[in-house]
Amino acid sequence: MSESTRLSAKDWARAALKAIAGGGLAAVAVEPLARTLGVTKGSFYAHYRNRDELIAAALDEWVHGHGDQAITIFAAIEDPARRLRDLLTAVVQAAQPLAPSVHLSLLGERNDPRVRKAVGQVNKARLDLLVRTYEELGLPPDRAESRARVAYAAILGLLHLAQTDPDGPDPAALADEAAAIFLP
């Protein structure tokens, strides 16, 4: 089996996402990724014509894994209070101190139209779920929209803090506090 058939296009896209998390779009370079993956550049060219195609595929992979599909597990939770609590808990507990984040790295690349589109798609999916959750909790649509935006900003802030403060509070305690604040 040749190395180009051992690695899929998705393997390359995931490696590119790790690079983006650690150093933004500038960190997506074929030769270093090939070394990381233990293959030659030929494997890359079996799947992509150029770096821009790889970046587009990586962003698509991220949107797919962190947008609509990623929130389906939470959308399926019928009780909106439990849905919100589980969502907050998942975000806080998934964030690892000092671990790089694709989302946070992409925010630094927001002037790139591809990044703006990808972040916009993920944000929309997440905000739509939060708005729906707050409406189901009894807030009128305009208040649900505002509350969802504030909660989402807090979620991104919690993600940032969890990744930059290794001595921060216990994730479970932080999730409990966030739920107490954001449940009406």
Protein backbone atom coordinates (compact mmCIF):
# COMPACT_ATOMS: atom_id res chain seq x y z
CA MET A 1 0.00 0.00 0.00
CA SER A 2 1.47 3.37 -0.94
CA GLU A 3 1.55 6.24 1.52
CA SER A 4 -0.93 8.26 -0.54
CA THR A 5 -3.58 5.58 -0.06
CA ARG A 6 -2.83 5.14 3.63
CA LEU A 7 -3.64 8.76 4.39
CA SER A 8 -6.96 10.19 3.35
CA ALA A 9 -7.78 13.77 2.46
CA LYS A 10 -9.55 13.91 5.83
CA ASP A 11 -6.31 12.91 7.61
CA TRP A 12 -4.58 15.86 5.97
CA ALA A 13 -7.46 18.20 6.85
CA ARG A 14 -7.35 17.10 10.48
CA ALA A 15 -3.60 17.62 10.60
CA ALA A 16 -4.13 21.08 9.14
CA LEU A 17 -6.70 21.80 11.89
CA LYS A 18 -4.14 20.88 14.55
CA ALA A 19 -1.68 23.22 12.87
CA ILE A 20 -4.30 26.00 12.77
CA ALA A 21 -5.03 25.49 16.46
CA GLY A 22 -1.38 25.86 17.29
CA GLY A 23 -0.40 28.68 14.98
CA GLY A 24 -3.22 29.94 12.80
CA LEU A 25 -3.41 29.68 9.03
CA ALA A 26 0.30 30.46 8.69
CA ALA A 27 1.08 27.13 10.37
CA VAL A 28 -0.54 25.21 7.52
CA ALA A 29 2.45 24.28 5.38
CA VAL A 30 2.76 21.09 3.35
CA GLU A 31 6.30 20.03 4.27
CA PRO A 32 5.92 20.35 8.07
CA LEU A 33 2.53 18.61 7.93
CA ALA A 34 4.03 15.79 5.86
CA ARG A 35 6.79 15.38 8.45
CA THR A 36 4.22 15.35 11.25
CA LEU A 37 2.21 12.73 9.41
CA GLY A 38 5.32 10.71 8.56
CA VAL A 39 4.86 10.88 4.79
CA THR A 40 6.25 12.73 1.81
CA LYS A 41 4.68 15.68 0.03
CA GLY A 42 3.49 13.25 -2.65
CA SER A 43 0.78 12.08 -0.26
CA PHE A 44 -0.50 15.64 -0.02
CA TYR A 45 -0.64 16.07 -3.79
CA ALA A 46 -2.60 12.85 -4.14
CA HIS A 47 -5.46 14.67 -2.37
CA TYR A 48 -5.00 18.42 -2.90
CA ARG A 49 -3.68 20.65 -5.65
CA ASN A 50 -2.42 23.31 -3.26
CA ARG A 51 -2.36 24.68 0.28
CA ASP A 52 -5.53 26.74 -0.27
CA GLU A 53 -7.51 23.58 -1.05
CA LEU A 54 -6.20 22.02 2.16
CA ILE A 55 -7.17 25.08 4.20
CA ALA A 56 -10.65 25.04 2.65
CA ALA A 57 -11.00 21.32 3.47
CA ALA A 58 -9.76 21.87 7.02
CA LEU A 59 -12.26 24.68 7.57
CA ASP A 60 -15.05 22.52 6.13
CA GLU A 61 -14.04 19.71 8.49
CA TRP A 62 -14.11 22.12 11.43
CA VAL A 63 -17.53 23.51 10.48
CA HIS A 64 -18.87 19.99 10.06
CA GLY A 65 -17.48 18.84 13.40
CA HIS A 66 -18.31 21.95 15.42
CA GLY A 67 -21.44 23.37 13.78
CA ASP A 68 -24.79 21.73 13.11
CA GLN A 69 -23.59 18.13 13.38
CA ALA A 70 -21.73 18.71 16.64
CA ILE A 71 -24.73 20.25 18.37
CA THR A 72 -27.22 17.56 17.34
CA ILE A 73 -26.50 15.67 20.55
CA PHE A 74 -27.53 18.74 22.54
CA ALA A 75 -30.45 19.63 20.27
CA ALA A 76 -31.87 16.16 20.97
CA ILE A 77 -32.13 16.91 24.71
CA GLU A 78 -35.79 17.73 25.24
CA ASP A 79 -35.51 19.57 28.56
CA PRO A 80 -34.09 23.03 27.66
CA ALA A 81 -32.62 23.60 31.14
CA ARG A 82 -30.76 20.29 30.99
CA ARG A 83 -29.70 21.05 27.39
CA LEU A 84 -28.15 24.35 28.43
CA ARG A 85 -26.48 22.85 31.48
CA ASP A 86 -25.08 19.91 29.48
CA LEU A 87 -23.81 22.28 26.79
CA LEU A 88 -22.04 24.49 29.32
CA THR A 89 -20.60 21.46 31.09
CA ALA A 90 -19.33 19.99 27.82
CA VAL A 91 -17.60 23.22 26.83
CA VAL A 92 -15.93 23.73 30.19
CA GLN A 93 -14.88 20.12 30.63
CA ALA A 94 -13.65 19.69 27.06
CA ALA A 95 -11.32 22.67 27.31
CA GLN A 96 -7.91 21.58 28.49
CA PRO A 97 -5.50 24.00 30.10
CA LEU A 98 -2.97 25.32 27.63
CA ALA A 99 -4.42 23.18 24.79
CA PRO A 100 -4.66 25.06 21.50
CA SER A 101 -8.12 25.81 20.15
CA VAL A 102 -9.05 25.98 16.49
CA HIS A 103 -11.90 28.38 17.27
CA LEU A 104 -9.74 30.77 19.27
CA SER A 105 -6.97 30.63 16.65
CA LEU A 106 -9.45 31.33 13.88
CA LEU A 107 -10.66 34.44 15.67
CA GLY A 108 -7.19 35.86 15.08
CA GLU A 109 -7.64 35.15 11.36
CA ARG A 110 -11.04 36.82 11.05
CA ASN A 111 -9.94 39.05 8.15
CA ASP A 112 -9.64 36.01 5.89
CA PRO A 113 -13.00 35.58 4.10
CA ARG A 114 -12.80 31.76 4.33
CA VAL A 115 -12.33 31.98 8.08
CA ARG A 116 -15.10 34.56 8.46
CA LYS A 117 -17.47 32.24 6.62
CA ALA A 118 -16.50 29.15 8.66
CA VAL A 119 -16.65 30.92 12.02
CA GLY A 120 -19.95 32.50 10.96
CA GLN A 121 -21.44 29.08 10.16
CA VAL A 122 -20.34 27.58 13.49
CA ASN A 123 -21.49 30.63 15.43
CA LYS A 124 -24.88 30.59 13.69
CA ALA A 125 -25.48 26.91 14.47
CA ARG A 126 -24.54 27.39 18.10
CA LEU A 127 -26.49 30.63 18.51
CA ASP A 128 -29.58 29.13 16.84
CA LEU A 129 -29.53 26.30 19.37
CA LEU A 130 -29.08 28.72 22.27
CA VAL A 131 -31.88 31.00 21.04
CA ARG A 132 -34.21 28.01 20.68
CA THR A 133 -33.24 26.84 24.16
CA TYR A 134 -33.98 30.22 25.74
CA GLU A 135 -37.29 30.46 23.88
CA GLU A 136 -38.23 27.02 25.23
CA LEU A 137 -37.28 28.28 28.69
CA GLY A 138 -39.94 30.95 28.28
CA LEU A 139 -38.06 34.03 27.13
CA PRO A 140 -39.64 36.11 24.36
CA PRO A 141 -37.73 35.95 21.04
CA ASP A 142 -35.86 39.26 21.41
CA ARG A 143 -34.71 38.43 24.96
CA ALA A 144 -33.86 34.86 23.93
CA GLU A 145 -31.63 36.26 21.17
CA SER A 146 -29.88 38.65 23.54
CA ARG A 147 -29.45 36.04 26.26
CA ALA A 148 -28.10 33.54 23.72
CA ARG A 149 -25.48 36.02 22.53
CA VAL A 150 -24.35 36.81 26.06
CA ALA A 151 -24.25 33.12 26.97
CA TYR A 152 -22.28 32.31 23.82
CA ALA A 153 -19.79 35.09 24.54
CA ALA A 154 -19.39 33.65 28.03
CA ILE A 155 -18.89 30.16 26.59
CA LEU A 156 -16.09 31.44 24.35
CA GLY A 157 -14.63 33.27 27.33
CA LEU A 158 -14.77 30.13 29.46
CA LEU A 159 -13.04 28.23 26.68
CA HIS A 160 -10.30 30.85 26.55
CA LEU A 161 -9.86 30.89 30.33
CA ALA A 162 -9.82 27.11 30.58
CA GLN A 163 -7.05 26.99 28.01
CA THR A 164 -4.90 29.76 29.41
CA ASP A 165 -5.30 29.26 33.17
CA PRO A 166 -3.98 25.86 34.24
CA ASP A 167 -4.65 26.72 37.89
CA GLY A 168 -8.27 27.70 37.29
CA PRO A 169 -11.22 26.26 39.17
CA ASP A 170 -12.49 22.73 38.81
CA PRO A 171 -14.32 22.43 35.46
CA ALA A 172 -17.40 20.88 37.10
CA ALA A 173 -17.66 23.76 39.59
CA LEU A 174 -17.22 26.25 36.77
CA ALA A 175 -19.96 24.54 34.74
CA ASP A 176 -22.28 24.65 37.77
CA GLU A 177 -21.64 28.36 38.21
CA ALA A 178 -22.16 29.08 34.51
CA ALA A 179 -25.44 27.16 34.55
CA ALA A 180 -26.61 29.09 37.62
CA ILE A 181 -25.89 32.37 35.86
CA PHE A 182 -27.36 31.53 32.47
CA LEU A 183 -30.47 29.61 33.39
CA PRO A 184 -33.36 32.06 33.73
